[in-house]
PDB file of N, CA and C in Angstrom:
ATOM      1  N   UNK A   1     110.538 107.498 120.382  1.00  0.00           N
ATOM      2  CA  UNK A   1     110.393 107.704 118.958  1.00  0.00           C
ATOM      3  C   UNK A   1     110.128 109.188 118.721  1.00  0.00           C
ATOM      4  N   UNK A   2     110.832 109.740 117.761  1.00  0.00           N
ATOM      5  CA  UNK A   2     110.619 111.137 117.367  1.00  0.00           C
ATOM      6  C   UNK A   2     109.501 111.185 116.328  1.00  0.00           C
ATOM      7  N   UNK A   3     108.524 112.046 116.548  1.00  0.00           N
ATOM      8  CA  UNK A   3     107.395 112.181 115.630  1.00  0.00           C
ATOM      9  C   UNK A   3     107.356 113.606 115.110  1.00  0.00           C
ATOM     10  N   UNK A   4     107.349 113.753 113.790  1.00  0.00           N
ATOM     11  CA  UNK A   4     107.254 115.052 113.137  1.00  0.00           C
ATOM     12  C   UNK A   4     105.939 115.073 112.356  1.00  0.00           C
ATOM     13  N   UNK A   5     105.018 115.953 112.728  1.00  0.00           N
ATOM     14  CA  UNK A   5     103.697 116.011 112.109  1.00  0.00           C
ATOM     15  C   UNK A   5     103.566 117.288 111.292  1.00  0.00           C
ATOM     16  N   UNK A   6     103.084 117.133 110.060  1.00  0.00           N
ATOM     17  CA  UNK A   6     102.912 118.269 109.160  1.00  0.00           C
ATOM     18  C   UNK A   6     101.493 118.232 108.594  1.00  0.00           C
ATOM     19  N   UNK A   7     100.863 119.399 108.514  1.00  0.00           N
ATOM     20  CA  UNK A   7      99.519 119.490 107.935  1.00  0.00           C
ATOM     21  C   UNK A   7      99.596 120.231 106.604  1.00  0.00           C
ATOM     22  N   UNK A   8      98.891 119.718 105.603  1.00  0.00           N
ATOM     23  CA  UNK A   8      98.882 120.315 104.275  1.00  0.00           C
ATOM     24  C   UNK A   8      97.450 120.726 103.921  1.00  0.00           C
ATOM     25  N   UNK A   9      97.257 121.953 103.530  1.00  0.00           N
ATOM     26  CA  UNK A   9      95.957 122.497 103.117  1.00  0.00           C
ATOM     27  C   UNK A   9      94.889 122.396 104.211  1.00  0.00           C
ATOM     28  N   UNK A  10      95.303 122.288 105.432  1.00  0.00           N
ATOM     29  CA  UNK A  10      94.386 122.253 106.566  1.00  0.00           C
ATOM     30  C   UNK A  10      95.151 122.668 107.817  1.00  0.00           C
ATOM     31  N   UNK A  11      94.419 122.930 108.877  1.00  0.00           N
ATOM     32  CA  UNK A  11      95.060 123.344 110.128  1.00  0.00           C
ATOM     33  C   UNK A  11      95.301 122.124 111.012  1.00  0.00           C
ATOM     34  N   UNK A  12      96.464 122.072 111.622  1.00  0.00           N
ATOM     35  CA  UNK A  12      96.802 120.987 112.535  1.00  0.00           C
ATOM     36  C   UNK A  12      96.328 121.365 113.931  1.00  0.00           C
ATOM     37  N   UNK A  13      95.207 120.795 114.324  1.00  0.00           N
ATOM     38  CA  UNK A  13      94.638 121.102 115.630  1.00  0.00           C
ATOM     39  C   UNK A  13      95.267 120.213 116.697  1.00  0.00           C
ATOM     40  N   UNK A  14      95.192 120.616 117.949  1.00  0.00           N
ATOM     41  CA  UNK A  14      95.716 119.759 119.023  1.00  0.00           C
ATOM     42  C   UNK A  14      95.022 118.394 119.084  1.00  0.00           C
ATOM     43  N   UNK A  15      93.753 118.334 118.707  1.00  0.00           N
ATOM     44  CA  UNK A  15      93.024 117.061 118.714  1.00  0.00           C
ATOM     45  C   UNK A  15      93.599 116.098 117.675  1.00  0.00           C
ATOM     46  N   UNK A  16      93.919 116.607 116.490  1.00  0.00           N
ATOM     47  CA  UNK A  16      94.503 115.765 115.445  1.00  0.00           C
ATOM     48  C   UNK A  16      95.890 115.306 115.873  1.00  0.00           C
ATOM     49  N   UNK A  17      96.687 116.220 116.417  1.00  0.00           N
ATOM     50  CA  UNK A  17      98.041 115.873 116.875  1.00  0.00           C
ATOM     51  C   UNK A  17      97.984 114.787 117.960  1.00  0.00           C
ATOM     52  N   UNK A  18      97.073 114.943 118.898  1.00  0.00           N
ATOM     53  CA  UNK A  18      96.922 113.971 119.985  1.00  0.00           C
ATOM     54  C   UNK A  18      96.475 112.613 119.446  1.00  0.00           C
ATOM     55  N   UNK A  19      95.568 112.624 118.467  1.00  0.00           N
ATOM     56  CA  UNK A  19      95.069 111.386 117.868  1.00  0.00           C
ATOM     57  C   UNK A  19      96.199 110.629 117.162  1.00  0.00           C
ATOM     58  N   UNK A  20      97.023 111.343 116.416  1.00  0.00           N
ATOM     59  CA  UNK A  20      98.146 110.721 115.708  1.00  0.00           C
ATOM     60  C   UNK A  20      99.150 110.157 116.706  1.00  0.00           C
ATOM     61  N   UNK A  21      99.476 110.926 117.729  1.00  0.00           N
ATOM     62  CA  UNK A  21     100.437 110.456 118.729  1.00  0.00           C
ATOM     63  C   UNK A  21      99.914 109.233 119.479  1.00  0.00           C
ATOM     64  N   UNK A  22      98.614 109.187 119.712  1.00  0.00           N
ATOM     65  CA  UNK A  22      98.004 108.040 120.385  1.00  0.00           C
ATOM     66  C   UNK A  22      98.115 106.797 119.503  1.00  0.00           C
ATOM     67  N   UNK A  23      97.823 106.940 118.222  1.00  0.00           N
ATOM     68  CA  UNK A  23      97.887 105.811 117.291  1.00  0.00           C
ATOM     69  C   UNK A  23      99.320 105.310 117.126  1.00  0.00           C
ATOM     70  N   UNK A  24     100.272 106.222 117.009  1.00  0.00           N
ATOM     71  CA  UNK A  24     101.668 105.810 116.863  1.00  0.00           C
ATOM     72  C   UNK A  24     102.227 105.260 118.169  1.00  0.00           C
ATOM     73  N   UNK A  25     101.688 105.696 119.284  1.00  0.00           N
ATOM     74  CA  UNK A  25     102.112 105.176 120.573  1.00  0.00           C
ATOM     75  C   UNK A  25     101.823 103.689 120.708  1.00  0.00           C
ATOM     76  N   UNK A  26     100.704 103.243 120.125  1.00  0.00           N
ATOM     77  CA  UNK A  26     100.357 101.827 120.158  1.00  0.00           C
ATOM     78  C   UNK A  26     101.361 101.009 119.349  1.00  0.00           C
ATOM     79  N   UNK A  27     101.761 101.525 118.200  1.00  0.00           N
ATOM     80  CA  UNK A  27     102.761 100.832 117.375  1.00  0.00           C
ATOM     81  C   UNK A  27     104.092 100.796 118.110  1.00  0.00           C
ATOM     82  N   UNK A  28     104.463 101.917 118.695  1.00  0.00           N
ATOM     83  CA  UNK A  28     105.739 101.999 119.404  1.00  0.00           C
ATOM     84  C   UNK A  28     105.771 101.027 120.579  1.00  0.00           C
ATOM     85  N   UNK A  29     104.673 100.932 121.306  1.00  0.00           N
ATOM     86  CA  UNK A  29     104.615 100.080 122.491  1.00  0.00           C
ATOM     87  C   UNK A  29     104.692  98.603 122.111  1.00  0.00           C
ATOM     88  N   UNK A  30     104.034  98.215 121.004  1.00  0.00           N
ATOM     89  CA  UNK A  30     103.952  96.805 120.634  1.00  0.00           C
ATOM     90  C   UNK A  30     105.153  96.305 119.839  1.00  0.00           C
ATOM     91  N   UNK A  31     105.713  97.133 118.962  1.00  0.00           N
ATOM     92  CA  UNK A  31     106.667  96.609 117.996  1.00  0.00           C
ATOM     93  C   UNK A  31     108.089  97.156 118.088  1.00  0.00           C
ATOM     94  N   UNK A  32     108.266  98.355 118.594  1.00  0.00           N
ATOM     95  CA  UNK A  32     109.573  99.004 118.511  1.00  0.00           C
ATOM     96  C   UNK A  32     110.313  98.864 119.835  1.00  0.00           C
ATOM     97  N   UNK A  33     111.595  98.582 119.733  1.00  0.00           N
ATOM     98  CA  UNK A  33     112.448  98.447 120.910  1.00  0.00           C
ATOM     99  C   UNK A  33     112.551  99.797 121.617  1.00  0.00           C
ATOM    100  N   UNK A  34     112.258  99.872 122.902  1.00  0.00           N
ATOM    101  CA  UNK A  34     112.296 101.160 123.604  1.00  0.00           C
ATOM    102  C   UNK A  34     113.702 101.743 123.728  1.00  0.00           C
ATOM    103  N   UNK A  35     114.738 100.912 123.568  1.00  0.00           N
ATOM    104  CA  UNK A  35     116.113 101.402 123.661  1.00  0.00           C
ATOM    105  C   UNK A  35     116.618 102.000 122.353  1.00  0.00           C
ATOM    106  N   UNK A  36     115.858 101.820 121.257  1.00  0.00           N
ATOM    107  CA  UNK A  36     116.271 102.333 119.951  1.00  0.00           C
ATOM    108  C   UNK A  36     115.926 103.820 119.854  1.00  0.00           C
ATOM    109  N   UNK A  37     116.948 104.667 119.889  1.00  0.00           N
ATOM    110  CA  UNK A  37     116.726 106.118 119.827  1.00  0.00           C
ATOM    111  C   UNK A  37     116.733 106.649 118.398  1.00  0.00           C
ATOM    112  N   UNK A  38     117.071 105.812 117.424  1.00  0.00           N
ATOM    113  CA  UNK A  38     117.136 106.274 116.037  1.00  0.00           C
ATOM    114  C   UNK A  38     115.787 106.204 115.330  1.00  0.00           C
ATOM    115  N   UNK A  39     114.765 105.705 116.002  1.00  0.00           N
ATOM    116  CA  UNK A  39     113.443 105.583 115.395  1.00  0.00           C
ATOM    117  C   UNK A  39     112.842 106.969 115.172  1.00  0.00           C
ATOM    118  N   UNK A  40     112.352 107.191 113.961  1.00  0.00           N
ATOM    119  CA  UNK A  40     111.813 108.500 113.585  1.00  0.00           C
ATOM    120  C   UNK A  40     110.595 108.291 112.693  1.00  0.00           C
ATOM    121  N   UNK A  41     109.564 109.096 112.901  1.00  0.00           N
ATOM    122  CA  UNK A  41     108.358 108.997 112.091  1.00  0.00           C
ATOM    123  C   UNK A  41     107.945 110.378 111.596  1.00  0.00           C
ATOM    124  N   UNK A  42     107.803 110.511 110.281  1.00  0.00           N
ATOM    125  CA  UNK A  42     107.284 111.731 109.667  1.00  0.00           C
ATOM    126  C   UNK A  42     105.845 111.465 109.251  1.00  0.00           C
ATOM    127  N   UNK A  43     104.947 112.333 109.681  1.00  0.00           N
ATOM    128  CA  UNK A  43     103.524 112.184 109.384  1.00  0.00           C
ATOM    129  C   UNK A  43     103.060 113.427 108.648  1.00  0.00           C
ATOM    130  N   UNK A  44     102.345 113.217 107.544  1.00  0.00           N
ATOM    131  CA  UNK A  44     101.755 114.338 106.819  1.00  0.00           C
ATOM    132  C   UNK A  44     100.272 114.052 106.661  1.00  0.00           C
ATOM    133  N   UNK A  45      99.445 114.971 107.126  1.00  0.00           N
ATOM    134  CA  UNK A  45      97.995 114.833 107.027  1.00  0.00           C
ATOM    135  C   UNK A  45      97.428 116.098 106.397  1.00  0.00           C
ATOM    136  N   UNK A  46      96.251 115.965 105.805  1.00  0.00           N
ATOM    137  CA  UNK A  46      95.596 117.145 105.254  1.00  0.00           C
ATOM    138  C   UNK A  46      94.713 116.809 104.075  1.00  0.00           C
ATOM    139  N   UNK A  47      94.322 117.869 103.378  1.00  0.00           N
ATOM    140  CA  UNK A  47      93.493 117.713 102.195  1.00  0.00           C
ATOM    141  C   UNK A  47      94.387 117.566 100.974  1.00  0.00           C
ATOM    142  N   UNK A  48      93.853 116.871  99.970  1.00  0.00           N
ATOM    143  CA  UNK A  48      94.601 116.683  98.734  1.00  0.00           C
ATOM    144  C   UNK A  48      94.774 118.018  98.024  1.00  0.00           C
ATOM    145  N   UNK A  49      93.704 118.796  97.970  1.00  0.00           N
ATOM    146  CA  UNK A  49      93.777 120.137  97.381  1.00  0.00           C
ATOM    147  C   UNK A  49      92.745 121.021  98.064  1.00  0.00           C
ATOM    148  N   UNK A  50      92.830 122.301  97.805  1.00  0.00           N
ATOM    149  CA  UNK A  50      91.921 123.242  98.462  1.00  0.00           C
ATOM    150  C   UNK A  50      90.534 123.281  97.822  1.00  0.00           C
ATOM    151  N   UNK A  51      90.415 122.867  96.558  1.00  0.00           N
ATOM    152  CA  UNK A  51      89.141 123.043  95.870  1.00  0.00           C
ATOM    153  C   UNK A  51      88.251 121.793  95.872  1.00  0.00           C
ATOM    154  N   UNK A  52      88.742 120.633  96.248  1.00  0.00           N
ATOM    155  CA  UNK A  52      87.899 119.441  96.305  1.00  0.00           C
ATOM    156  C   UNK A  52      86.979 119.500  97.519  1.00  0.00           C
ATOM    157  N   UNK A  53      85.715 119.133  97.314  1.00  0.00           N
ATOM    158  CA  UNK A  53      84.735 119.173  98.389  1.00  0.00           C
ATOM    159  C   UNK A  53      84.124 117.806  98.681  1.00  0.00           C
ATOM    160  N   UNK A  54      84.110 116.891  97.685  1.00  0.00           N
ATOM    161  CA  UNK A  54      83.466 115.594  97.845  1.00  0.00           C
ATOM    162  C   UNK A  54      84.459 114.474  97.553  1.00  0.00           C
ATOM    163  N   UNK A  55      84.124 113.303  98.067  1.00  0.00           N
ATOM    164  CA  UNK A  55      84.945 112.126  97.787  1.00  0.00           C
ATOM    165  C   UNK A  55      86.102 112.000  98.760  1.00  0.00           C
ATOM    166  N   UNK A  56      87.111 111.257  98.324  1.00  0.00           N
ATOM    167  CA  UNK A  56      88.276 111.003  99.165  1.00  0.00           C
ATOM    168  C   UNK A  56      89.223 112.208  99.088  1.00  0.00           C
ATOM    169  N   UNK A  57      88.991 113.174  99.947  1.00  0.00           N
ATOM    170  CA  UNK A  57      89.769 114.411  99.894  1.00  0.00           C
ATOM    171  C   UNK A  57      90.821 114.511 100.991  1.00  0.00           C
ATOM    172  N   UNK A  58      90.753 113.646 102.004  1.00  0.00           N
ATOM    173  CA  UNK A  58      91.724 113.704 103.098  1.00  0.00           C
ATOM    174  C   UNK A  58      92.795 112.637 102.898  1.00  0.00           C
ATOM    175  N   UNK A  59      94.014 113.001 103.256  1.00  0.00           N
ATOM    176  CA  UNK A  59      95.169 112.151 103.012  1.00  0.00           C
ATOM    177  C   UNK A  59      96.015 112.060 104.275  1.00  0.00           C
ATOM    178  N   UNK A  60      96.540 110.862 104.537  1.00  0.00           N
ATOM    179  CA  UNK A  60      97.474 110.653 105.647  1.00  0.00           C
ATOM    180  C   UNK A  60      98.653 109.843 105.111  1.00  0.00           C
ATOM    181  N   UNK A  61      99.854 110.292 105.439  1.00  0.00           N
ATOM    182  CA  UNK A  61     101.074 109.615 104.987  1.00  0.00           C
ATOM    183  C   UNK A  61     101.995 109.433 106.184  1.00  0.00           C
ATOM    184  N   UNK A  62     102.500 108.216 106.360  1.00  0.00           N
ATOM    185  CA  UNK A  62     103.421 107.897 107.439  1.00  0.00           C
ATOM    186  C   UNK A  62     104.724 107.396 106.847  1.00  0.00           C
ATOM    187  N   UNK A  63     105.846 107.948 107.294  1.00  0.00           N
ATOM    188  CA  UNK A  63     107.179 107.479 106.924  1.00  0.00           C
ATOM    189  C   UNK A  63     107.910 107.138 108.217  1.00  0.00           C
ATOM    190  N   UNK A  64     108.019 105.848 108.504  1.00  0.00           N
ATOM    191  CA  UNK A  64     108.637 105.375 109.737  1.00  0.00           C
ATOM    192  C   UNK A  64     110.011 104.811 109.419  1.00  0.00           C
ATOM    193  N   UNK A  65     111.035 105.321 110.097  1.00  0.00           N
ATOM    194  CA  UNK A  65     112.392 104.822 109.935  1.00  0.00           C
ATOM    195  C   UNK A  65     112.799 104.109 111.211  1.00  0.00           C
ATOM    196  N   UNK A  66     113.085 102.821 111.077  1.00  0.00           N
ATOM    197  CA  UNK A  66     113.491 101.997 112.214  1.00  0.00           C
ATOM    198  C   UNK A  66     114.737 101.227 111.805  1.00  0.00           C
ATOM    199  N   UNK A  67     115.823 101.453 112.523  1.00  0.00           N
ATOM    200  CA  UNK A  67     117.051 100.722 112.249  1.00  0.00           C
ATOM    201  C   UNK A  67     117.573 100.905 110.838  1.00  0.00           C
ATOM    202  N   UNK A  68     117.388 102.074 110.272  1.00  0.00           N
ATOM    203  CA  UNK A  68     117.870 102.348 108.927  1.00  0.00           C
ATOM    204  C   UNK A  68     116.935 101.893 107.821  1.00  0.00           C
ATOM    205  N   UNK A  69     115.825 101.257 108.147  1.00  0.00           N
ATOM    206  CA  UNK A  69     114.870 100.804 107.148  1.00  0.00           C
ATOM    207  C   UNK A  69     113.642 101.708 107.166  1.00  0.00           C
ATOM    208  N   UNK A  70     113.151 102.056 105.976  1.00  0.00           N
ATOM    209  CA  UNK A  70     112.015 102.962 105.834  1.00  0.00           C
ATOM    210  C   UNK A  70     110.742 102.177 105.544  1.00  0.00           C
ATOM    211  N   UNK A  71     109.699 102.462 106.302  1.00  0.00           N
ATOM    212  CA  UNK A  71     108.366 101.905 106.073  1.00  0.00           C
ATOM    213  C   UNK A  71     107.464 103.078 105.725  1.00  0.00           C
ATOM    214  N   UNK A  72     106.814 103.019 104.547  1.00  0.00           N
ATOM    215  CA  UNK A  72     106.003 104.138 104.078  1.00  0.00           C
ATOM    216  C   UNK A  72     104.604 103.657 103.759  1.00  0.00           C
ATOM    217  N   UNK A  73     103.609 104.386 104.252  1.00  0.00           N
ATOM    218  CA  UNK A  73     102.216 104.089 103.923  1.00  0.00           C
ATOM    219  C   UNK A  73     101.488 105.394 103.629  1.00  0.00           C
ATOM    220  N   UNK A  74     100.466 105.282 102.819  1.00  0.00           N
ATOM    221  CA  UNK A  74      99.669 106.452 102.450  1.00  0.00           C
ATOM    222  C   UNK A  74      98.220 106.014 102.288  1.00  0.00           C
ATOM    223  N   UNK A  75      97.293 106.889 102.675  1.00  0.00           N
ATOM    224  CA  UNK A  75      95.877 106.569 102.578  1.00  0.00           C
ATOM    225  C   UNK A  75      95.091 107.834 102.243  1.00  0.00           C
ATOM    226  N   UNK A  76      94.059 107.684 101.432  1.00  0.00           N
ATOM    227  CA  UNK A  76      93.127 108.782 101.169  1.00  0.00           C
ATOM    228  C   UNK A  76      91.717 108.293 101.497  1.00  0.00           C
ATOM    229  N   UNK A  77      90.981 109.110 102.228  1.00  0.00           N
ATOM    230  CA  UNK A  77      89.633 108.763 102.663  1.00  0.00           C
ATOM    231  C   UNK A  77      88.757 110.014 102.667  1.00  0.00           C
ATOM    232  N   UNK A  78      87.467 109.813 102.935  1.00  0.00           N
ATOM    233  CA  UNK A  78      86.533 110.929 103.035  1.00  0.00           C
ATOM    234  C   UNK A  78      86.651 111.643 104.373  1.00  0.00           C
ATOM    235  N   UNK A  79      87.245 110.987 105.366  1.00  0.00           N
ATOM    236  CA  UNK A  79      87.380 111.525 106.707  1.00  0.00           C
ATOM    237  C   UNK A  79      88.859 111.475 107.086  1.00  0.00           C
ATOM    238  N   UNK A  80      89.369 112.518 107.720  1.00  0.00           N
ATOM    239  CA  UNK A  80      90.778 112.573 108.093  1.00  0.00           C
ATOM    240  C   UNK A  80      91.132 111.474 109.085  1.00  0.00           C
ATOM    241  N   UNK A  81      90.283 111.240 110.069  1.00  0.00           N
ATOM    242  CA  UNK A  81      90.553 110.216 111.073  1.00  0.00           C
ATOM    243  C   UNK A  81      90.555 108.819 110.450  1.00  0.00           C
ATOM    244  N   UNK A  82      89.689 108.575 109.478  1.00  0.00           N
ATOM    245  CA  UNK A  82      89.669 107.282 108.784  1.00  0.00           C
ATOM    246  C   UNK A  82      90.951 107.092 107.973  1.00  0.00           C
ATOM    247  N   UNK A  83      91.439 108.156 107.362  1.00  0.00           N
ATOM    248  CA  UNK A  83      92.691 108.085 106.604  1.00  0.00           C
ATOM    249  C   UNK A  83      93.865 107.783 107.531  1.00  0.00           C
ATOM    250  N   UNK A  84      93.880 108.405 108.699  1.00  0.00           N
ATOM    251  CA  UNK A  84      94.941 108.148 109.681  1.00  0.00           C
ATOM    252  C   UNK A  84      94.882 106.696 110.151  1.00  0.00           C
ATOM    253  N   UNK A  85      93.685 106.210 110.449  1.00  0.00           N
ATOM    254  CA  UNK A  85      93.535 104.823 110.910  1.00  0.00           C
ATOM    255  C   UNK A  85      93.987 103.824 109.853  1.00  0.00           C
ATOM    256  N   UNK A  86      93.582 104.040 108.614  1.00  0.00           N
ATOM    257  CA  UNK A  86      93.953 103.110 107.544  1.00  0.00           C
ATOM    258  C   UNK A  86      95.464 103.119 107.302  1.00  0.00           C
ATOM    259  N   UNK A  87      96.077 104.284 107.301  1.00  0.00           N
ATOM    260  CA  UNK A  87      97.523 104.374 107.103  1.00  0.00           C
ATOM    261  C   UNK A  87      98.265 103.729 108.273  1.00  0.00           C
ATOM    262  N   UNK A  88      97.772 103.926 109.486  1.00  0.00           N
ATOM    263  CA  UNK A  88      98.399 103.320 110.671  1.00  0.00           C
ATOM    264  C   UNK A  88      98.298 101.812 110.622  1.00  0.00           C
ATOM    265  N   UNK A  89      97.148 101.298 110.217  1.00  0.00           N
ATOM    266  CA  UNK A  89      96.966  99.846 110.120  1.00  0.00           C
ATOM    267  C   UNK A  89      97.899  99.239 109.074  1.00  0.00           C
ATOM    268  N   UNK A  90      98.053  99.894 107.950  1.00  0.00           N
ATOM    269  CA  UNK A  90      98.949  99.409 106.901  1.00  0.00           C
ATOM    270  C   UNK A  90     100.406  99.463 107.362  1.00  0.00           C
ATOM    271  N   UNK A  91     100.763 100.507 108.085  1.00  0.00           N
ATOM    272  CA  UNK A  91     102.112 100.629 108.648  1.00  0.00           C
ATOM    273  C   UNK A  91     102.367  99.491 109.631  1.00  0.00           C
ATOM    274  N   UNK A  92     101.408  99.203 110.463  1.00  0.00           N
ATOM    275  CA  UNK A  92     101.519  98.116 111.436  1.00  0.00           C
ATOM    276  C   UNK A  92     101.710  96.773 110.725  1.00  0.00           C
ATOM    277  N   UNK A  93     100.890  96.521 109.676  1.00  0.00           N
ATOM    278  CA  UNK A  93     100.991  95.261 108.940  1.00  0.00           C
ATOM    279  C   UNK A  93     102.350  95.107 108.260  1.00  0.00           C
ATOM    280  N   UNK A  94     102.816  96.157 107.600  1.00  0.00           N
ATOM    281  CA  UNK A  94     104.083  96.051 106.883  1.00  0.00           C
ATOM    282  C   UNK A  94     105.257  95.886 107.841  1.00  0.00           C
ATOM    283  N   UNK A  95     105.256  96.611 108.954  1.00  0.00           N
ATOM    284  CA  UNK A  95     106.334  96.489 109.929  1.00  0.00           C
ATOM    285  C   UNK A  95     106.313  95.109 110.580  1.00  0.00           C
ATOM    286  N   UNK A  96     105.139  94.645 110.929  1.00  0.00           N
ATOM    287  CA  UNK A  96     104.994  93.324 111.559  1.00  0.00           C
ATOM    288  C   UNK A  96     105.434  92.213 110.605  1.00  0.00           C
ATOM    289  N   UNK A  97     105.063  92.326 109.333  1.00  0.00           N
ATOM    290  CA  UNK A  97     105.435  91.339 108.331  1.00  0.00           C
ATOM    291  C   UNK A  97     106.952  91.282 108.156  1.00  0.00           C
ATOM    292  N   UNK A  98     107.582  92.431 108.075  1.00  0.00           N
ATOM    293  CA  UNK A  98     109.034  92.480 107.907  1.00  0.00           C
ATOM    294  C   UNK A  98     109.742  91.915 109.132  1.00  0.00           C
ATOM    295  N   UNK A  99     109.234  92.229 110.305  1.00  0.00           N
ATOM    296  CA  UNK A  99     109.823  91.725 111.551  1.00  0.00           C
ATOM    297  C   UNK A  99     109.714  90.205 111.599  1.00  0.00           C
ATOM    298  N   UNK A 100     108.565  89.659 111.155  1.00  0.00           N
ATOM    299  CA  UNK A 100     108.365  88.211 111.142  1.00  0.00           C
ATOM    300  C   UNK A 100     109.299  87.552 110.138  1.00  0.00           C
ATOM    301  N   UNK A 101     109.504  88.169 108.972  1.00  0.00           N
ATOM    302  CA  UNK A 101     110.414  87.618 107.970  1.00  0.00           C
ATOM    303  C   UNK A 101     111.840  87.542 108.513  1.00  0.00           C
ATOM    304  N   UNK A 102     112.288  88.613 109.165  1.00  0.00           N
ATOM    305  CA  UNK A 102     113.643  88.617 109.723  1.00  0.00           C
ATOM    306  C   UNK A 102     113.794  87.539 110.795  1.00  0.00           C
ATOM    307  N   UNK A 103     112.785  87.346 111.606  1.00  0.00           N
ATOM    308  CA  UNK A 103     112.827  86.333 112.661  1.00  0.00           C
ATOM    309  C   UNK A 103     112.855  84.933 112.052  1.00  0.00           C
ATOM    310  N   UNK A 104     112.061  84.685 111.010  1.00  0.00           N
ATOM    311  CA  UNK A 104     112.027  83.381 110.352  1.00  0.00           C
ATOM    312  C   UNK A 104     113.364  83.059 109.690  1.00  0.00           C
ATOM    313  N   UNK A 105     113.981  84.039 109.055  1.00  0.00           N
ATOM    314  CA  UNK A 105     115.283  83.824 108.423  1.00  0.00           C
ATOM    315  C   UNK A 105     116.324  83.453 109.478  1.00  0.00           C
ATOM    316  N   UNK A 106     116.287  84.130 110.603  1.00  0.00           N
ATOM    317  CA  UNK A 106     117.219  83.837 111.686  1.00  0.00           C
ATOM    318  C   UNK A 106     117.005  82.422 112.212  1.00  0.00           C
ATOM    319  N   UNK A 107     115.773  82.033 112.394  1.00  0.00           N
ATOM    320  CA  UNK A 107     115.473  80.687 112.892  1.00  0.00           C
ATOM    321  C   UNK A 107     115.924  79.612 111.910  1.00  0.00           C
ATOM    322  N   UNK A 108     115.691  79.849 110.609  1.00  0.00           N
ATOM    323  CA  UNK A 108     116.112  78.867 109.614  1.00  0.00           C
ATOM    324  C   UNK A 108     117.624  78.708 109.589  1.00  0.00           C
ATOM    325  N   UNK A 109     118.340  79.822 109.693  1.00  0.00           N
ATOM    326  CA  UNK A 109     119.801  79.726 109.659  1.00  0.00           C
ATOM    327  C   UNK A 109     120.321  79.016 110.910  1.00  0.00           C
ATOM    328  N   UNK A 110     119.724  79.269 112.061  1.00  0.00           N
ATOM    329  CA  UNK A 110     120.144  78.573 113.270  1.00  0.00           C
ATOM    330  C   UNK A 110     119.814  77.084 113.197  1.00  0.00           C
ATOM    331  N   UNK A 111     118.713  76.736 112.574  1.00  0.00           N
ATOM    332  CA  UNK A 111     118.352  75.330 112.408  1.00  0.00           C
ATOM    333  C   UNK A 111     119.366  74.618 111.519  1.00  0.00           C
ATOM    334  N   UNK A 112     119.824  75.277 110.466  1.00  0.00           N
ATOM    335  CA  UNK A 112     120.839  74.690 109.593  1.00  0.00           C
ATOM    336  C   UNK A 112     122.141  74.449 110.351  1.00  0.00           C
ATOM    337  N   UNK A 113     122.523  75.398 111.193  1.00  0.00           N
ATOM    338  CA  UNK A 113     123.733  75.243 111.993  1.00  0.00           C
ATOM    339  C   UNK A 113     123.568  74.080 112.970  1.00  0.00           C
ATOM    340  N   UNK A 114     122.412  74.008 113.596  1.00  0.00           N
ATOM    341  CA  UNK A 114     122.138  72.944 114.555  1.00  0.00           C
ATOM    342  C   UNK A 114     122.200  71.578 113.873  1.00  0.00           C
ATOM    343  N   UNK A 115     121.603  71.452 112.693  1.00  0.00           N
ATOM    344  CA  UNK A 115     121.623  70.194 111.967  1.00  0.00           C
ATOM    345  C   UNK A 115     123.030  69.848 111.509  1.00  0.00           C
ATOM    346  N   UNK A 116     123.808  70.840 111.141  1.00  0.00           N
ATOM    347  CA  UNK A 116     125.188  70.584 110.736  1.00  0.00           C
ATOM    348  C   UNK A 116     126.015  70.112 111.927  1.00  0.00           C
ATOM    349  N   UNK A 117     125.785  70.668 113.108  1.00  0.00           N
ATOM    350  CA  UNK A 117     126.519  70.247 114.298  1.00  0.00           C
ATOM    351  C   UNK A 117     126.116  68.833 114.726  1.00  0.00           C
ATOM    352  N   UNK A 118     124.874  68.464 114.475  1.00  0.00           N
ATOM    353  CA  UNK A 118     124.423  67.105 114.811  1.00  0.00           C
ATOM    354  C   UNK A 118     125.167  66.078 113.978  1.00  0.00           C
ATOM    355  N   UNK A 119     125.484  66.445 112.747  1.00  0.00           N
ATOM    356  CA  UNK A 119     126.174  65.529 111.848  1.00  0.00           C
ATOM    357  C   UNK A 119     127.640  65.335 112.194  1.00  0.00           C
ATOM    358  N   UNK A 120     128.215  66.239 112.954  1.00  0.00           N
ATOM    359  CA  UNK A 120     129.627  66.124 113.342  1.00  0.00           C
ATOM    360  C   UNK A 120     129.765  65.153 114.507  1.00  0.00           C
ATOM    361  N   UNK A 121     130.831  64.381 114.463  1.00  0.00           N
ATOM    362  CA  UNK A 121     131.089  63.477 115.594  1.00  0.00           C
ATOM    363  C   UNK A 121     132.266  64.033 116.355  1.00  0.00           C
ATOM    364  N   UNK A 122     132.149  64.054 117.627  1.00  0.00           N
ATOM    365  CA  UNK A 122     133.199  64.639 118.469  1.00  0.00           C
ATOM    366  C   UNK A 122     134.228  63.631 118.711  1.00  0.00           C
TER     367      UNK A 122
END
């Protein structure tokens, strides 16, 4: 998976880059086909603006493209690492949900074919 990380209104330290790659590595290992070379993820992290000091000032945005489909999540938190975790969890849930829907549709269509073949007499 290709990962493009961008920092806005803050510095992208090696620790932040490593943390993001570690979190996305878990998603890649569990859900994404290792043979799929078209998978791409754009990550943007940073502060919402330069002048905010309190509240939810850190933002994390993930745009994951898998098989031509885009999964987008965004989170704002008081801590950058918490924002990354929340956005990653939402990305995982949405990707997992979509994968389950596609699998269920396939199973239902195969069941219909199977039932139709049972009704035929050879």
